[in-house]
Protein backbone atom coordinates (compact mmCIF):
# COMPACT_ATOMS: atom_id res chain seq x y z
CA MET A 1 -29.56 -55.72 7.38
CA ALA A 2 -28.79 -52.10 6.48
CA MET A 3 -26.98 -50.15 8.94
CA PRO A 4 -28.15 -46.73 9.82
CA MET A 5 -25.58 -44.08 8.51
CA GLU A 6 -24.14 -41.69 10.91
CA SER A 7 -24.27 -38.01 10.34
CA PRO A 8 -21.03 -36.51 9.33
CA ILE A 9 -19.32 -34.67 11.98
CA THR A 10 -18.59 -31.00 11.39
CA PHE A 11 -16.43 -28.28 13.28
CA SER A 12 -18.50 -25.30 13.26
CA ASN A 13 -15.63 -22.76 14.38
CA VAL A 14 -13.00 -24.62 12.02
CA GLY A 15 -12.02 -22.11 9.15
CA LYS A 16 -14.17 -19.39 10.80
CA ILE A 17 -12.75 -15.84 10.78
CA ARG A 18 -13.47 -13.39 13.36
CA TRP A 19 -14.93 -10.14 12.79
CA TRP A 20 -11.82 -8.38 13.88
CA GLN A 21 -9.77 -10.25 11.23
CA ARG A 22 -11.33 -9.56 8.00
CA GLY A 23 -11.94 -6.51 5.81
CA ILE A 24 -11.08 -3.05 7.17
CA PHE A 25 -10.20 -4.43 10.51
CA ALA A 26 -7.49 -7.30 9.15
CA SER A 27 -4.64 -4.70 9.25
CA GLN A 28 -3.53 -1.73 11.24
CA THR A 29 -3.94 0.85 8.40
CA GLY A 30 -7.72 -0.14 8.50
CA TYR A 31 -8.01 0.92 12.22
CA VAL A 32 -6.45 4.00 11.45
CA LEU A 33 -8.61 4.74 8.32
CA LEU A 34 -11.52 4.07 10.69
CA ALA A 35 -9.78 6.71 13.14
CA LEU A 36 -9.26 9.25 10.56
CA ALA A 37 -12.92 9.21 9.19
CA VAL A 38 -14.45 9.80 12.46
CA LEU A 39 -11.73 12.83 12.79
CA LEU A 40 -12.87 14.39 9.55
CA VAL A 41 -16.51 13.84 10.81
CA ILE A 42 -15.66 15.55 14.15
CA MET A 43 -13.57 18.40 12.37
CA HIS A 44 -16.93 18.92 10.04
CA PHE A 45 -18.98 19.71 12.97
CA ALA A 46 -16.04 21.72 14.86
CA SER A 47 -15.06 24.11 12.28
CA PRO A 48 -17.44 25.31 9.26
CA TYR A 49 -13.85 26.12 7.38
CA PHE A 50 -12.52 22.53 7.52
CA PHE A 51 -14.11 21.07 4.25
CA THR A 52 -13.85 24.37 2.21
CA GLN A 53 -11.58 24.25 -1.04
CA GLY A 54 -9.03 26.45 0.39
CA ASN A 55 -8.39 24.10 3.38
CA MET A 56 -8.83 20.91 1.66
CA GLN A 57 -5.86 22.35 -0.49
CA ASN A 58 -3.81 23.16 2.25
CA VAL A 59 -4.15 19.94 3.97
CA ALA A 60 -3.50 17.99 0.46
CA LYS A 61 -0.50 20.25 -0.24
CA ASN A 62 0.74 19.99 3.81
CA PHE A 63 0.85 16.57 4.40
CA SER A 64 2.63 15.68 0.74
CA PHE A 65 5.41 17.76 2.17
CA ILE A 66 6.18 14.66 4.22
CA ALA A 67 4.35 11.72 2.60
CA ILE A 68 6.71 11.39 -0.25
CA ALA A 69 9.96 10.91 2.31
CA THR A 70 7.20 8.38 4.41
CA LEU A 71 7.25 6.50 1.12
CA GLY A 72 11.00 5.81 1.15
CA VAL A 73 11.15 5.30 4.82
CA THR A 74 8.50 2.64 4.62
CA PHE A 75 10.63 0.45 1.99
CA VAL A 76 13.55 0.52 4.82
CA ILE A 77 11.06 -0.08 7.73
CA ILE A 78 9.45 -3.22 5.85
CA THR A 79 13.18 -4.60 5.83
CA GLY A 80 13.50 -4.12 9.31
CA GLY A 81 15.57 -1.30 9.08
CA ILE A 82 15.24 2.30 9.90
CA ASP A 83 16.78 5.65 8.70
CA LEU A 84 17.23 8.88 11.04
CA SER A 85 18.70 10.66 8.27
CA VAL A 86 15.89 11.91 6.26
CA GLY A 87 15.37 15.44 7.49
CA SER A 88 18.95 16.07 7.24
CA MET A 89 18.78 14.77 3.73
CA MET A 90 15.98 16.87 3.04
CA CYS A 91 17.76 20.08 3.55
CA PHE A 92 20.76 19.15 2.14
CA SER A 93 19.55 18.07 -1.17
CA ALA A 94 17.36 21.46 -1.17
CA MET A 95 20.33 23.44 -0.31
CA ILE A 96 22.59 21.92 -3.32
CA THR A 97 19.74 22.23 -5.70
CA SER A 98 18.97 25.92 -5.26
CA MET A 99 23.03 26.71 -4.63
CA VAL A 100 23.83 25.16 -8.03
CA MET A 101 20.84 26.68 -9.93
CA THR A 102 22.12 30.29 -8.54
CA GLU A 103 25.48 29.49 -9.46
CA LEU A 104 24.88 28.16 -13.34
CA SER A 105 23.00 31.19 -13.53
CA ALA A 106 25.58 33.91 -12.45
CA PRO A 107 27.81 35.26 -15.19
CA GLY A 108 30.79 35.63 -12.89
CA SER A 109 30.71 32.23 -11.76
CA PRO A 110 34.08 30.54 -12.98
CA LEU A 111 31.92 27.18 -13.72
CA VAL A 112 29.89 28.51 -16.75
CA HIS A 113 31.02 29.82 -19.88
CA MET A 114 29.32 33.37 -21.47
CA ALA A 115 27.66 33.45 -24.64
CA ALA A 116 27.78 36.33 -27.22
CA ASP A 117 24.13 37.91 -25.78
CA GLY A 118 25.69 38.01 -22.13
CA LYS A 119 24.09 35.22 -20.43
CA THR A 120 25.71 31.78 -19.78
CA VAL A 121 25.29 29.23 -22.31
CA LEU A 122 23.41 27.27 -20.01
CA ALA A 123 21.18 29.74 -19.59
CA ASN A 124 20.02 30.10 -23.18
CA VAL A 125 18.42 26.51 -22.99
CA PRO A 126 15.51 26.60 -21.28
CA GLY A 127 14.92 24.27 -18.49
CA LEU A 128 18.63 23.07 -18.51
CA ILE A 129 19.98 24.98 -15.40
CA LEU A 130 16.75 23.62 -13.65
CA LEU A 131 17.52 19.83 -14.80
CA ILE A 132 21.12 20.24 -14.11
CA SER A 133 20.35 21.42 -10.07
CA ILE A 134 17.93 18.88 -9.57
CA LEU A 135 19.98 15.97 -10.45
CA ALA A 136 22.59 17.34 -8.39
CA GLY A 137 20.18 17.78 -5.55
CA LEU A 138 19.43 13.83 -6.06
CA GLY A 139 23.06 13.08 -6.68
CA VAL A 140 24.21 14.04 -3.05
CA ALA A 141 20.98 12.28 -2.06
CA LEU A 142 22.02 9.00 -4.08
CA ILE A 143 25.58 9.18 -2.25
CA ALA A 144 24.43 9.43 1.09
CA GLY A 145 21.90 6.37 0.52
CA LEU A 146 24.56 4.30 -0.96
CA VAL A 147 26.98 5.09 2.02
CA ASN A 148 24.27 4.34 4.34
CA GLY A 149 23.31 0.84 2.48
CA PHE A 150 27.18 -0.09 2.28
CA CYS A 151 27.81 0.40 6.16
CA ILE A 152 24.38 -1.76 7.15
CA ALA A 153 24.51 -4.53 4.36
CA VAL A 154 28.36 -5.01 3.94
CA LEU A 155 29.85 -3.56 6.97
CA GLY A 156 26.85 -5.05 9.12
CA LEU A 157 26.76 -1.85 11.20
CA SER A 158 23.57 -1.06 13.24
CA PRO A 159 20.75 1.09 10.98
CA PHE A 160 20.01 3.16 13.67
CA VAL A 161 23.86 3.98 14.42
CA THR A 162 24.78 4.59 11.02
CA THR A 163 21.48 6.70 10.16
CA LEU A 164 21.86 8.59 13.21
CA GLY A 165 25.57 9.27 12.04
CA MET A 166 24.46 10.63 8.62
CA LEU A 167 22.04 12.34 9.94
CA SER A 168 24.94 14.84 11.83
CA ILE A 169 27.15 14.41 8.74
CA VAL A 170 24.81 15.63 6.21
CA ARG A 171 23.29 18.59 8.43
CA GLY A 172 26.92 19.49 9.05
CA LEU A 173 27.90 19.40 5.45
CA GLY A 174 24.69 21.98 4.86
CA TYR A 175 26.17 24.20 7.24
CA VAL A 176 29.59 23.91 5.62
CA VAL A 177 28.45 24.71 2.20
CA SER A 178 26.29 27.33 3.22
CA ASN A 179 27.91 28.95 5.90
CA GLY A 180 24.82 28.74 8.13
CA ARG A 181 23.07 30.60 5.50
CA GLY A 182 19.91 29.82 3.65
CA SER A 183 20.21 29.71 -0.12
CA PHE A 184 17.60 30.77 -2.43
CA PRO A 185 16.52 29.22 -6.12
CA GLY A 186 17.67 32.13 -8.89
CA GLY A 187 18.36 32.53 -12.52
CA PRO A 188 16.16 32.27 -15.49
CA ASP A 189 14.59 28.73 -14.37
CA ALA A 190 13.33 29.75 -11.04
CA ASP A 191 9.74 30.65 -12.06
CA TYR A 192 9.81 26.78 -13.53
CA PHE A 193 11.38 25.35 -10.55
CA TYR A 194 8.28 27.55 -8.30
CA ALA A 195 5.80 26.21 -10.83
CA LEU A 196 6.79 22.33 -10.93
CA THR A 197 7.58 22.56 -6.83
CA SER A 198 4.74 24.83 -5.70
CA GLY A 199 2.13 25.17 -8.25
CA ASP A 200 -1.16 23.50 -9.01
CA VAL A 201 -2.78 21.53 -11.58
CA LEU A 202 -6.52 22.53 -12.03
CA GLY A 203 -6.81 23.46 -8.62
CA VAL A 204 -4.74 20.23 -7.27
CA PRO A 205 -1.42 20.82 -5.93
CA VAL A 206 1.57 19.43 -8.08
CA PRO A 207 3.30 17.82 -4.71
CA PHE A 208 0.29 15.93 -4.18
CA ILE A 209 0.05 14.66 -7.81
CA TYR A 210 3.77 13.66 -7.38
CA LEU A 211 2.77 11.65 -4.31
CA VAL A 212 -0.21 10.08 -5.86
CA ILE A 213 2.22 8.92 -8.74
CA LEU A 214 4.72 7.67 -6.58
CA ALA A 215 2.46 5.99 -4.00
CA LEU A 216 0.75 3.92 -7.17
CA SER A 217 4.44 3.00 -8.47
CA MET A 218 5.50 1.87 -4.91
CA ALA A 219 2.42 -0.31 -4.76
CA VAL A 220 3.24 -1.65 -7.94
CA VAL A 221 6.93 -2.24 -7.31
CA LEU A 222 6.09 -4.22 -3.43
CA HIS A 223 3.50 -6.35 -4.76
CA HIS A 224 3.88 -7.08 -8.66
CA SER A 225 7.82 -7.09 -8.47
CA ALA A 226 10.58 -9.70 -7.36
CA PHE A 227 12.25 -6.57 -6.06
CA GLY A 228 9.06 -6.11 -3.73
CA ARG A 229 8.84 -9.66 -2.82
CA HIS A 230 12.20 -9.27 -1.84
CA VAL A 231 11.93 -6.43 0.24
CA PHE A 232 9.18 -8.11 2.38
CA ALA A 233 11.07 -11.56 2.81
CA LEU A 234 14.07 -9.48 4.24
CA GLY A 235 11.54 -7.90 6.70
CA GLY A 236 10.15 -11.34 7.46
CA ASN A 237 13.12 -13.31 8.04
CA GLU A 238 16.70 -12.20 6.75
CA LYS A 239 18.57 -15.47 7.46
CA ALA A 240 15.63 -17.07 5.74
CA ALA A 241 15.85 -15.00 2.62
CA GLU A 242 19.40 -15.34 2.48
CA LEU A 243 19.00 -18.96 2.11
CA THR A 244 16.83 -18.87 -0.75
CA GLY A 245 18.98 -16.91 -2.67
CA ILE A 246 17.58 -13.33 -2.27
CA PRO A 247 20.60 -10.90 -2.61
CA VAL A 248 20.13 -9.40 0.81
CA VAL A 249 23.23 -7.16 0.53
CA ARG A 250 22.05 -5.74 -2.74
CA VAL A 251 18.33 -5.09 -1.62
CA LYS A 252 19.37 -3.49 1.72
CA ILE A 253 21.47 -1.22 -0.24
CA GLU A 254 18.84 -0.10 -2.80
CA VAL A 255 16.20 0.52 -0.02
CA TYR A 256 18.27 2.91 1.62
CA VAL A 257 18.95 4.62 -1.68
CA ILE A 258 15.24 4.67 -2.23
CA CYS A 259 14.43 6.16 0.81
CA ALA A 260 17.46 8.93 0.43
CA LEU A 261 15.96 9.89 -2.81
CA ALA A 262 12.71 10.31 -1.71
CA ALA A 263 13.94 12.37 0.90
CA GLY A 264 16.17 14.51 -1.46
CA LEU A 265 13.19 14.91 -3.78
CA GLN A 266 10.49 15.78 -0.68
CA GLY A 267 13.45 18.61 0.20
CA ILE A 268 13.48 20.12 -3.22
CA ILE A 269 9.75 20.01 -3.20
CA ILE A 270 9.56 22.05 0.18
CA SER A 271 12.37 24.41 -0.80
CA GLY A 272 9.90 25.46 -3.66
CA TRP A 273 7.14 26.19 -1.18
CA LEU A 274 9.26 28.20 1.12
CA GLY A 275 11.10 30.00 -1.42
CA SER A 276 14.25 29.34 -0.17
CA ALA A 277 16.40 26.36 1.51
CA PRO A 278 17.11 27.50 4.97
CA ALA A 279 20.13 25.72 6.91
CA ASN A 280 17.88 24.49 9.49
CA MET A 281 15.16 23.37 7.32
CA ALA A 282 13.28 20.05 8.03
CA THR A 283 14.92 19.87 11.63
CA SER A 284 13.35 16.85 13.45
CA TYR A 285 11.12 15.97 10.23
CA GLU A 286 12.57 12.46 10.46
CA LEU A 287 10.40 11.98 13.77
CA ASN A 288 7.20 12.90 11.82
CA VAL A 289 7.85 10.79 8.93
CA ILE A 290 8.36 7.84 10.63
CA ALA A 291 5.95 8.58 13.24
CA ALA A 292 3.59 8.52 10.19
CA ALA A 293 4.62 5.57 8.83
CA VAL A 294 4.28 3.70 12.16
CA ILE A 295 0.94 5.08 12.36
CA GLY A 296 -0.20 3.65 9.00
CA GLY A 297 0.65 0.46 9.94
CA ALA A 298 4.33 -0.17 9.26
CA ASN A 299 5.97 -2.71 11.69
CA LEU A 300 9.27 -1.90 13.18
CA ALA A 301 10.27 -5.18 13.40
CA GLY A 302 9.77 -5.66 9.44
CA GLY A 303 7.62 -7.33 6.95
CA ILE A 304 4.67 -5.38 7.26
CA GLY A 305 3.94 -1.90 5.47
CA GLY A 306 2.66 -0.32 2.25
CA PRO A 307 2.01 3.29 0.62
CA LEU A 308 -1.65 3.23 1.38
CA GLY A 309 -0.46 3.14 5.24
CA ALA A 310 2.07 5.89 4.93
CA ILE A 311 -0.14 8.24 3.03
CA VAL A 312 -2.99 7.60 5.75
CA GLY A 313 -0.79 8.14 8.65
CA CYS A 314 0.44 11.40 6.98
CA VAL A 315 -3.17 12.66 6.42
CA LEU A 316 -4.05 11.51 10.00
CA LEU A 317 -1.34 13.92 11.10
CA GLU A 318 -1.92 16.99 8.99
CA VAL A 319 -5.68 16.88 9.93
CA ILE A 320 -4.47 16.92 13.79
CA ARG A 321 -2.39 19.79 12.87
CA ASN A 322 -4.82 21.69 10.89
CA GLY A 323 -7.65 21.16 12.92
CA LEU A 324 -5.79 22.38 15.91
CA VAL A 325 -4.76 25.60 14.02
CA LEU A 326 -8.64 26.34 13.17
CA ALA A 327 -9.93 25.32 16.76
CA GLN A 328 -7.15 27.56 17.55
CA VAL A 329 -5.50 25.30 20.20
CA SER A 330 -1.96 25.91 20.92
CA SER A 331 0.40 23.83 18.24
CA TYR A 332 2.55 22.55 20.76
CA TRP A 333 -0.13 20.27 21.70
CA GLN A 334 0.23 18.54 18.28
CA GLN A 335 3.59 16.52 19.41
CA THR A 336 1.75 15.37 22.21
CA LEU A 337 -1.18 13.99 20.24
CA VAL A 338 1.07 12.53 17.80
CA GLY A 339 2.79 10.60 20.36
CA VAL A 340 -0.63 9.23 22.20
CA ILE A 341 -1.63 8.17 18.45
CA ILE A 342 1.36 5.98 17.83
CA ILE A 343 0.96 4.48 21.52
CA LEU A 344 -2.49 3.84 20.60
CA ALA A 345 -2.08 2.47 17.19
CA VAL A 346 0.63 0.01 18.17
CA LEU A 347 -1.36 -0.92 21.18
CA VAL A 348 -4.53 -1.91 19.10
CA ASP A 349 -2.23 -3.75 16.61
CA ARG A 350 -0.76 -5.80 19.51
CA ILE A 351 -4.06 -6.69 20.94
CA ARG A 352 -5.66 -7.53 17.62
CA SER A 353 -2.52 -9.86 17.08
CA ARG A 354 -3.23 -11.74 20.56
CA MET A 355 -6.87 -12.18 19.39
CA THR A 356 -5.60 -13.82 16.52
């Protein structure tokens, strides 16, 4: 006698992904993107000047002035570290670049030789002084990044304390070499310098082009290279990463070098926009840079972050600043709103994590 077959037992709730765990809601960056979209719609109706071509160019240029440094800081934050020296590093690299450019162009400088036409030898080679000056600015950033990385990775010092000390060291050195005065890019390559830092290509600001190239490069490195996997592994569990053979010390030093170089490049670009490198340039910029990274989804505990989130965080901050200006609201409210957004972003991410 045949026995009736029992129907298979099924569990409808197993493997089911809830709506807040998929798609755009799967990360903090998605929520911030959604908030940015809502804010853009609000600004469209609040001001007829917001979506004009000139204002969009200003927004793209202005958020690019912190976004490149934010990409570098995101590398550090993914590993579970922090770098508070980025603002001072921006200033110092910009000052060194401007001072070297002026010094190498001065006929009476002891560092250069004169040609038969009365110009310096370097000045007779178009772009050479500019190249040397930019390399000098990035060189001091490289040294600062190596010192940060060595103190943190080799000596075992706290990233917070180390980079806080570097903030004061680099800012102080900036005042020492300039006697507290600003420096101005000069010489025959000055026009090249301004074109490469504050110009535009077909109406697109040059800083924004640099940002896109660096962001795409960062995405490739983080998600399609062994170095990127090592960076995420350090942030996830440093001890486990070390046991699996990842060169923890080397990776840590490299991310702090990358962060310092990004800050140095950012400072050089800003000095081109300003037309000078004042001694107090980029003061407290480290707060905006770190805030943009955190708002965009980088987790200060490590293991989470990326270029998209960094850019979205920067865009959100700039849209708020720009919107306040167009609405004729006091710019002092910007810091208040930034603080509120940081807390809300972290709160939403915490709630979403608990619901998973």
